[in-house]
Amino acid sequence: MKGIRLDPEPGVVSECYAVVYAPRRQRGRFPDNCVERVDSAEDAIEQSDPAGKRYPARVIGPSRSSEGVMLYYLDRWLD
């Protein structure tokens, strides 16, 4: 995602694998309650459920928006 910088400090904004609930896959950012972090790309793919609109992805975050919401930004879909 352009404009998002990774922080070298551990535990701040970082890249991770996740299963993302996305009713429409056109979005590039997701609130933290739609993102379930997992340990690996394989775990994300295994736990995904396209019928339930839960897709494997690599995301960047969490980052606080100007509205105070914690967001994850899509880096790429894994499927």
PDB file of N, CA and C in Angstrom:
ATOM      1  N   MET A   1       0.849  -1.174   0.000  1.00  0.00           N
ATOM      2  CA  MET A   1       0.000   0.000   0.000  1.00  0.00           C
ATOM      3  C   MET A   1       0.887   1.228   0.000  1.00  0.00           C
ATOM      4  N   LYS A   2       0.672   2.104  -0.925  1.00  0.00           N
ATOM      5  CA  LYS A   2       1.475   3.314  -1.014  1.00  0.00           C
ATOM      6  C   LYS A   2       1.170   4.232   0.160  1.00  0.00           C
ATOM      7  N   GLY A   3       2.193   4.852   0.701  1.00  0.00           N
ATOM      8  CA  GLY A   3       2.010   5.797   1.782  1.00  0.00           C
ATOM      9  C   GLY A   3       2.064   5.202   3.175  1.00  0.00           C
ATOM     10  N   ILE A   4       2.128   3.901   3.306  1.00  0.00           N
ATOM     11  CA  ILE A   4       2.231   3.257   4.614  1.00  0.00           C
ATOM     12  C   ILE A   4       3.684   2.870   4.822  1.00  0.00           C
ATOM     13  N   ARG A   5       4.243   3.354   5.907  1.00  0.00           N
ATOM     14  CA  ARG A   5       5.633   3.034   6.217  1.00  0.00           C
ATOM     15  C   ARG A   5       5.684   2.042   7.361  1.00  0.00           C
ATOM     16  N   LEU A   6       6.566   1.064   7.216  1.00  0.00           N
ATOM     17  CA  LEU A   6       6.760   0.101   8.292  1.00  0.00           C
ATOM     18  C   LEU A   6       7.665   0.712   9.342  1.00  0.00           C
ATOM     19  N   ASP A   7       7.332   0.484  10.574  1.00  0.00           N
ATOM     20  CA  ASP A   7       8.110   1.006  11.684  1.00  0.00           C
ATOM     21  C   ASP A   7       9.105  -0.058  12.118  1.00  0.00           C
ATOM     22  N   PRO A   8      10.383   0.289  12.287  1.00  0.00           N
ATOM     23  CA  PRO A   8      11.357  -0.709  12.713  1.00  0.00           C
ATOM     24  C   PRO A   8      11.127  -1.206  14.146  1.00  0.00           C
ATOM     25  N   GLU A   9      10.360  -0.473  14.938  1.00  0.00           N
ATOM     26  CA  GLU A   9      10.056  -0.863  16.311  1.00  0.00           C
ATOM     27  C   GLU A   9       9.099  -2.056  16.299  1.00  0.00           C
ATOM     28  N   PRO A  10       9.453  -3.163  16.949  1.00  0.00           N
ATOM     29  CA  PRO A  10       8.553  -4.322  16.954  1.00  0.00           C
ATOM     30  C   PRO A  10       7.211  -3.991  17.610  1.00  0.00           C
ATOM     31  N   GLY A  11       6.146  -4.595  17.082  1.00  0.00           N
ATOM     32  CA  GLY A  11       4.827  -4.419  17.683  1.00  0.00           C
ATOM     33  C   GLY A  11       4.077  -3.206  17.190  1.00  0.00           C
ATOM     34  N   VAL A  12       4.693  -2.422  16.298  1.00  0.00           N
ATOM     35  CA  VAL A  12       3.975  -1.270  15.755  1.00  0.00           C
ATOM     36  C   VAL A  12       3.412  -1.734  14.407  1.00  0.00           C
ATOM     37  N   VAL A  13       3.397  -0.913  13.400  1.00  0.00           N
ATOM     38  CA  VAL A  13       2.892  -1.301  12.088  1.00  0.00           C
ATOM     39  C   VAL A  13       3.842  -2.308  11.451  1.00  0.00           C
ATOM     40  N   SER A  14       3.284  -3.443  11.001  1.00  0.00           N
ATOM     41  CA  SER A  14       4.114  -4.482  10.402  1.00  0.00           C
ATOM     42  C   SER A  14       3.313  -5.241   9.347  1.00  0.00           C
ATOM     43  N   GLU A  15       4.025  -6.020   8.555  1.00  0.00           N
ATOM     44  CA  GLU A  15       3.375  -6.899   7.585  1.00  0.00           C
ATOM     45  C   GLU A  15       3.044  -8.210   8.276  1.00  0.00           C
ATOM     46  N   CYS A  16       1.900  -8.773   7.945  1.00  0.00           N
ATOM     47  CA  CYS A  16       1.534 -10.070   8.510  1.00  0.00           C
ATOM     48  C   CYS A  16       0.541 -10.756   7.581  1.00  0.00           C
ATOM     49  N   TYR A  17       0.350 -12.039   7.807  1.00  0.00           N
ATOM     50  CA  TYR A  17      -0.640 -12.811   7.065  1.00  0.00           C
ATOM     51  C   TYR A  17      -1.926 -12.822   7.864  1.00  0.00           C
ATOM     52  N   ALA A  18      -3.040 -12.886   7.136  1.00  0.00           N
ATOM     53  CA  ALA A  18      -4.331 -12.811   7.811  1.00  0.00           C
ATOM     54  C   ALA A  18      -5.415 -13.431   6.949  1.00  0.00           C
ATOM     55  N   VAL A  19      -6.532 -13.702   7.614  1.00  0.00           N
ATOM     56  CA  VAL A  19      -7.772 -14.041   6.924  1.00  0.00           C
ATOM     57  C   VAL A  19      -8.652 -12.810   7.098  1.00  0.00           C
ATOM     58  N   VAL A  20      -9.104 -12.260   5.973  1.00  0.00           N
ATOM     59  CA  VAL A  20      -9.829 -10.993   5.983  1.00  0.00           C
ATOM     60  C   VAL A  20     -11.280 -11.218   5.556  1.00  0.00           C
ATOM     61  N   TYR A  21     -12.209 -10.735   6.385  1.00  0.00           N
ATOM     62  CA  TYR A  21     -13.618 -10.731   5.995  1.00  0.00           C
ATOM     63  C   TYR A  21     -13.819  -9.544   5.077  1.00  0.00           C
ATOM     64  N   ALA A  22     -14.220  -9.829   3.817  1.00  0.00           N
ATOM     65  CA  ALA A  22     -14.362  -8.767   2.824  1.00  0.00           C
ATOM     66  C   ALA A  22     -15.587  -9.029   1.952  1.00  0.00           C
ATOM     67  N   PRO A  23     -16.722  -8.379   2.244  1.00  0.00           N
ATOM     68  CA  PRO A  23     -17.892  -8.561   1.387  1.00  0.00           C
ATOM     69  C   PRO A  23     -17.615  -8.169  -0.065  1.00  0.00           C
ATOM     70  N   ARG A  24     -16.778  -7.160  -0.257  1.00  0.00           N
ATOM     71  CA  ARG A  24     -16.340  -6.750  -1.596  1.00  0.00           C
ATOM     72  C   ARG A  24     -14.825  -6.656  -1.581  1.00  0.00           C
ATOM     73  N   ARG A  25     -14.179  -7.331  -2.495  1.00  0.00           N
ATOM     74  CA  ARG A  25     -12.714  -7.375  -2.483  1.00  0.00           C
ATOM     75  C   ARG A  25     -12.066  -6.154  -3.131  1.00  0.00           C
ATOM     76  N   GLN A  26     -12.817  -5.147  -3.484  1.00  0.00           N
ATOM     77  CA  GLN A  26     -12.243  -3.945  -4.090  1.00  0.00           C
ATOM     78  C   GLN A  26     -11.606  -3.021  -3.058  1.00  0.00           C
ATOM     79  N   ARG A  27     -11.897  -3.216  -1.799  1.00  0.00           N
ATOM     80  CA  ARG A  27     -11.387  -2.325  -0.757  1.00  0.00           C
ATOM     81  C   ARG A  27      -9.905  -2.562  -0.513  1.00  0.00           C
ATOM     82  N   GLY A  28      -9.231  -1.525  -0.075  1.00  0.00           N
ATOM     83  CA  GLY A  28      -7.812  -1.631   0.202  1.00  0.00           C
ATOM     84  C   GLY A  28      -7.476  -1.520   1.677  1.00  0.00           C
ATOM     85  N   ARG A  29      -8.497  -1.260   2.499  1.00  0.00           N
ATOM     86  CA  ARG A  29      -8.264  -1.181   3.942  1.00  0.00           C
ATOM     87  C   ARG A  29      -9.445  -1.779   4.682  1.00  0.00           C
ATOM     88  N   PHE A  30      -9.138  -2.327   5.871  1.00  0.00           N
ATOM     89  CA  PHE A  30     -10.142  -3.072   6.615  1.00  0.00           C
ATOM     90  C   PHE A  30     -10.016  -2.754   8.102  1.00  0.00           C
ATOM     91  N   PRO A  31     -11.140  -2.568   8.802  1.00  0.00           N
ATOM     92  CA  PRO A  31     -11.066  -2.373  10.250  1.00  0.00           C
ATOM     93  C   PRO A  31     -10.545  -3.636  10.926  1.00  0.00           C
ATOM     94  N   ASP A  32      -9.932  -3.451  12.074  1.00  0.00           N
ATOM     95  CA  ASP A  32      -9.282  -4.593  12.742  1.00  0.00           C
ATOM     96  C   ASP A  32     -10.245  -5.711  13.109  1.00  0.00           C
ATOM     97  N   ASN A  33     -11.536  -5.435  13.259  1.00  0.00           N
ATOM     98  CA  ASN A  33     -12.468  -6.508  13.599  1.00  0.00           C
ATOM     99  C   ASN A  33     -12.801  -7.398  12.396  1.00  0.00           C
ATOM    100  N   CYS A  34     -12.318  -7.044  11.197  1.00  0.00           N
ATOM    101  CA  CYS A  34     -12.496  -7.868  10.000  1.00  0.00           C
ATOM    102  C   CYS A  34     -11.236  -8.663   9.663  1.00  0.00           C
ATOM    103  N   VAL A  35     -10.198  -8.526  10.477  1.00  0.00           N
ATOM    104  CA  VAL A  35      -8.904  -9.140  10.181  1.00  0.00           C
ATOM    105  C   VAL A  35      -8.521 -10.111  11.298  1.00  0.00           C
ATOM    106  N   GLU A  36      -8.245 -11.344  10.913  1.00  0.00           N
ATOM    107  CA  GLU A  36      -7.757 -12.352  11.858  1.00  0.00           C
ATOM    108  C   GLU A  36      -6.321 -12.688  11.472  1.00  0.00           C
ATOM    109  N   ARG A  37      -5.374 -12.255  12.296  1.00  0.00           N
ATOM    110  CA  ARG A  37      -3.964 -12.521  12.012  1.00  0.00           C
ATOM    111  C   ARG A  37      -3.660 -14.000  12.206  1.00  0.00           C
ATOM    112  N   VAL A  38      -2.791 -14.521  11.314  1.00  0.00           N
ATOM    113  CA  VAL A  38      -2.348 -15.913  11.399  1.00  0.00           C
ATOM    114  C   VAL A  38      -0.828 -15.948  11.251  1.00  0.00           C
ATOM    115  N   ASP A  39      -0.233 -17.125  11.508  1.00  0.00           N
ATOM    116  CA  ASP A  39       1.222 -17.242  11.532  1.00  0.00           C
ATOM    117  C   ASP A  39       1.883 -17.298  10.157  1.00  0.00           C
ATOM    118  N   SER A  40       1.186 -17.818   9.150  1.00  0.00           N
ATOM    119  CA  SER A  40       1.838 -18.017   7.855  1.00  0.00           C
ATOM    120  C   SER A  40       0.842 -17.891   6.712  1.00  0.00           C
ATOM    121  N   ALA A  41       1.382 -17.790   5.502  1.00  0.00           N
ATOM    122  CA  ALA A  41       0.535 -17.753   4.305  1.00  0.00           C
ATOM    123  C   ALA A  41      -0.267 -19.043   4.197  1.00  0.00           C
ATOM    124  N   GLU A  42       0.355 -20.172   4.522  1.00  0.00           N
ATOM    125  CA  GLU A  42      -0.327 -21.460   4.455  1.00  0.00           C
ATOM    126  C   GLU A  42      -1.515 -21.505   5.411  1.00  0.00           C
ATOM    127  N   ASP A  43      -1.331 -20.975   6.623  1.00  0.00           N
ATOM    128  CA  ASP A  43      -2.434 -20.926   7.588  1.00  0.00           C
ATOM    129  C   ASP A  43      -3.570 -20.054   7.068  1.00  0.00           C
ATOM    130  N   ALA A  44      -3.226 -18.932   6.478  1.00  0.00           N
ATOM    131  CA  ALA A  44      -4.250 -18.027   5.944  1.00  0.00           C
ATOM    132  C   ALA A  44      -5.055 -18.715   4.848  1.00  0.00           C
ATOM    133  N   ILE A  45      -4.371 -19.404   3.951  1.00  0.00           N
ATOM    134  CA  ILE A  45      -5.047 -20.105   2.859  1.00  0.00           C
ATOM    135  C   ILE A  45      -5.920 -21.227   3.408  1.00  0.00           C
ATOM    136  N   GLU A  46      -5.390 -21.969   4.372  1.00  0.00           N
ATOM    137  CA  GLU A  46      -6.125 -23.095   4.956  1.00  0.00           C
ATOM    138  C   GLU A  46      -7.379 -22.628   5.695  1.00  0.00           C
ATOM    139  N   GLN A  47      -7.311 -21.501   6.387  1.00  0.00           N
ATOM    140  CA  GLN A  47      -8.429 -21.020   7.197  1.00  0.00           C
ATOM    141  C   GLN A  47      -9.408 -20.138   6.417  1.00  0.00           C
ATOM    142  N   SER A  48      -9.105 -19.856   5.166  1.00  0.00           N
ATOM    143  CA  SER A  48      -9.999 -19.003   4.375  1.00  0.00           C
ATOM    144  C   SER A  48     -11.303 -19.740   4.071  1.00  0.00           C
ATOM    145  N   ASP A  49     -12.324 -18.954   3.766  1.00  0.00           N
ATOM    146  CA  ASP A  49     -13.649 -19.494   3.454  1.00  0.00           C
ATOM    147  C   ASP A  49     -14.323 -18.550   2.463  1.00  0.00           C
ATOM    148  N   PRO A  50     -14.058 -18.727   1.165  1.00  0.00           N
ATOM    149  CA  PRO A  50     -14.641 -17.819   0.169  1.00  0.00           C
ATOM    150  C   PRO A  50     -16.167 -17.758   0.233  1.00  0.00           C
ATOM    151  N   ALA A  51     -16.835 -18.861   0.556  1.00  0.00           N
ATOM    152  CA  ALA A  51     -18.298 -18.842   0.677  1.00  0.00           C
ATOM    153  C   ALA A  51     -18.745 -17.911   1.805  1.00  0.00           C
ATOM    154  N   GLY A  52     -17.925 -17.815   2.837  1.00  0.00           N
ATOM    155  CA  GLY A  52     -18.205 -16.920   3.961  1.00  0.00           C
ATOM    156  C   GLY A  52     -17.546 -15.559   3.814  1.00  0.00           C
ATOM    157  N   LYS A  53     -16.980 -15.295   2.634  1.00  0.00           N
ATOM    158  CA  LYS A  53     -16.323 -14.018   2.304  1.00  0.00           C
ATOM    159  C   LYS A  53     -15.114 -13.740   3.194  1.00  0.00           C
ATOM    160  N   ARG A  54     -14.381 -14.804   3.546  1.00  0.00           N
ATOM    161  CA  ARG A  54     -13.142 -14.699   4.337  1.00  0.00           C
ATOM    162  C   ARG A  54     -11.999 -15.159   3.445  1.00  0.00           C
ATOM    163  N   TYR A  55     -11.100 -14.228   3.112  1.00  0.00           N
ATOM    164  CA  TYR A  55     -10.063 -14.473   2.116  1.00  0.00           C
ATOM    165  C   TYR A  55      -8.660 -14.346   2.722  1.00  0.00           C
ATOM    166  N   PRO A  56      -7.711 -15.158   2.218  1.00  0.00           N
ATOM    167  CA  PRO A  56      -6.332 -15.061   2.700  1.00  0.00           C
ATOM    168  C   PRO A  56      -5.633 -13.850   2.084  1.00  0.00           C
ATOM    169  N   ALA A  57      -4.835 -13.176   2.909  1.00  0.00           N
ATOM    170  CA  ALA A  57      -4.162 -11.966   2.432  1.00  0.00           C
ATOM    171  C   ALA A  57      -2.893 -11.699   3.230  1.00  0.00           C
ATOM    172  N   ARG A  58      -2.045 -10.853   2.667  1.00  0.00           N
ATOM    173  CA  ARG A  58      -0.947 -10.267   3.424  1.00  0.00           C
ATOM    174  C   ARG A  58      -1.344  -8.818   3.627  1.00  0.00           C
ATOM    175  N   VAL A  59      -1.316  -8.372   4.880  1.00  0.00           N
ATOM    176  CA  VAL A  59      -1.774  -7.034   5.239  1.00  0.00           C
ATOM    177  C   VAL A  59      -0.683  -6.282   5.994  1.00  0.00           C
ATOM    178  N   ILE A  60      -0.875  -4.979   6.080  1.00  0.00           N
ATOM    179  CA  ILE A  60       0.029  -4.106   6.815  1.00  0.00           C
ATOM    180  C   ILE A  60      -0.796  -3.405   7.887  1.00  0.00           C
ATOM    181  N   GLY A  61      -0.301  -3.453   9.119  1.00  0.00           N
ATOM    182  CA  GLY A  61      -1.048  -2.777  10.174  1.00  0.00           C
ATOM    183  C   GLY A  61      -0.763  -3.387  11.527  1.00  0.00           C
ATOM    184  N   PRO A  62      -1.507  -3.020  12.526  1.00  0.00           N
ATOM    185  CA  PRO A  62      -2.589  -2.048  12.484  1.00  0.00           C
ATOM    186  C   PRO A  62      -2.066  -0.622  12.527  1.00  0.00           C
ATOM    187  N   SER A  63      -2.886   0.255  11.979  1.00  0.00           N
ATOM    188  CA  SER A  63      -2.555   1.675  11.954  1.00  0.00           C
ATOM    189  C   SER A  63      -3.814   2.441  12.315  1.00  0.00           C
ATOM    190  N   ARG A  64      -3.674   3.475  13.126  1.00  0.00           N
ATOM    191  CA  ARG A  64      -4.836   4.255  13.555  1.00  0.00           C
ATOM    192  C   ARG A  64      -5.196   5.268  12.473  1.00  0.00           C
ATOM    193  N   SER A  65      -6.465   5.261  12.069  1.00  0.00           N
ATOM    194  CA  SER A  65      -6.934   6.218  11.068  1.00  0.00           C
ATOM    195  C   SER A  65      -7.173   7.574  11.727  1.00  0.00           C
ATOM    196  N   SER A  66      -7.463   8.570  10.910  1.00  0.00           N
ATOM    197  CA  SER A  66      -7.727   9.912  11.452  1.00  0.00           C
ATOM    198  C   SER A  66      -9.012   9.935  12.271  1.00  0.00           C
ATOM    199  N   GLU A  67      -9.889   8.932  12.052  1.00  0.00           N
ATOM    200  CA  GLU A  67     -11.129   8.830  12.824  1.00  0.00           C
ATOM    201  C   GLU A  67     -10.939   8.030  14.109  1.00  0.00           C
ATOM    202  N   GLY A  68      -9.740   7.508  14.332  1.00  0.00           N
ATOM    203  CA  GLY A  68      -9.448   6.749  15.542  1.00  0.00           C
ATOM    204  C   GLY A  68      -9.698   5.258  15.420  1.00  0.00           C
ATOM    205  N   VAL A  69     -10.002   4.772  14.226  1.00  0.00           N
ATOM    206  CA  VAL A  69     -10.256   3.349  13.997  1.00  0.00           C
ATOM    207  C   VAL A  69      -8.936   2.662  13.663  1.00  0.00           C
ATOM    208  N   MET A  70      -8.736   1.462  14.206  1.00  0.00           N
ATOM    209  CA  MET A  70      -7.540   0.690  13.870  1.00  0.00           C
ATOM    210  C   MET A  70      -7.793  -0.023  12.547  1.00  0.00           C
ATOM    211  N   LEU A  71      -6.887   0.186  11.568  1.00  0.00           N
ATOM    212  CA  LEU A  71      -7.047  -0.353  10.226  1.00  0.00           C
ATOM    213  C   LEU A  71      -5.875  -1.218   9.816  1.00  0.00           C
ATOM    214  N   TYR A  72      -6.172  -2.176   8.945  1.00  0.00           N
ATOM    215  CA  TYR A  72      -5.154  -2.945   8.246  1.00  0.00           C
ATOM    216  C   TYR A  72      -5.279  -2.604   6.764  1.00  0.00           C
ATOM    217  N   TYR A  73      -4.145  -2.477   6.089  1.00  0.00           N
ATOM    218  CA  TYR A  73      -4.109  -2.151   4.667  1.00  0.00           C
ATOM    219  C   TYR A  73      -3.703  -3.389   3.886  1.00  0.00           C
ATOM    220  N   LEU A  74      -4.403  -3.647   2.803  1.00  0.00           N
ATOM    221  CA  LEU A  74      -4.126  -4.807   1.976  1.00  0.00           C
ATOM    222  C   LEU A  74      -2.806  -4.632   1.244  1.00  0.00           C
ATOM    223  N   ASP A  75      -1.910  -5.602   1.393  1.00  0.00           N
ATOM    224  CA  ASP A  75      -0.689  -5.650   0.588  1.00  0.00           C
ATOM    225  C   ASP A  75      -0.984  -6.467  -0.671  1.00  0.00           C
ATOM    226  N   ARG A  76      -1.537  -7.693  -0.466  1.00  0.00           N
ATOM    227  CA  ARG A  76      -1.959  -8.507  -1.609  1.00  0.00           C
ATOM    228  C   ARG A  76      -2.823  -9.657  -1.126  1.00  0.00           C
ATOM    229  N   TRP A  77      -3.730 -10.094  -2.019  1.00  0.00           N
ATOM    230  CA  TRP A  77      -4.506 -11.291  -1.765  1.00  0.00           C
ATOM    231  C   TRP A  77      -3.629 -12.501  -2.040  1.00  0.00           C
ATOM    232  N   LEU A  78      -3.829 -13.586  -1.334  1.00  0.00           N
ATOM    233  CA  LEU A  78      -3.006 -14.782  -1.496  1.00  0.00           C
ATOM    234  C   LEU A  78      -3.649 -15.834  -2.383  1.00  0.00           C
ATOM    235  N   ASP A  79      -4.807 -15.580  -2.920  1.00  0.00           N
ATOM    236  CA  ASP A  79      -5.435 -16.581  -3.803  1.00  0.00           C
ATOM    237  C   ASP A  79      -5.563 -16.083  -5.212  1.00  0.00           C
TER     238      ASP A  79
END
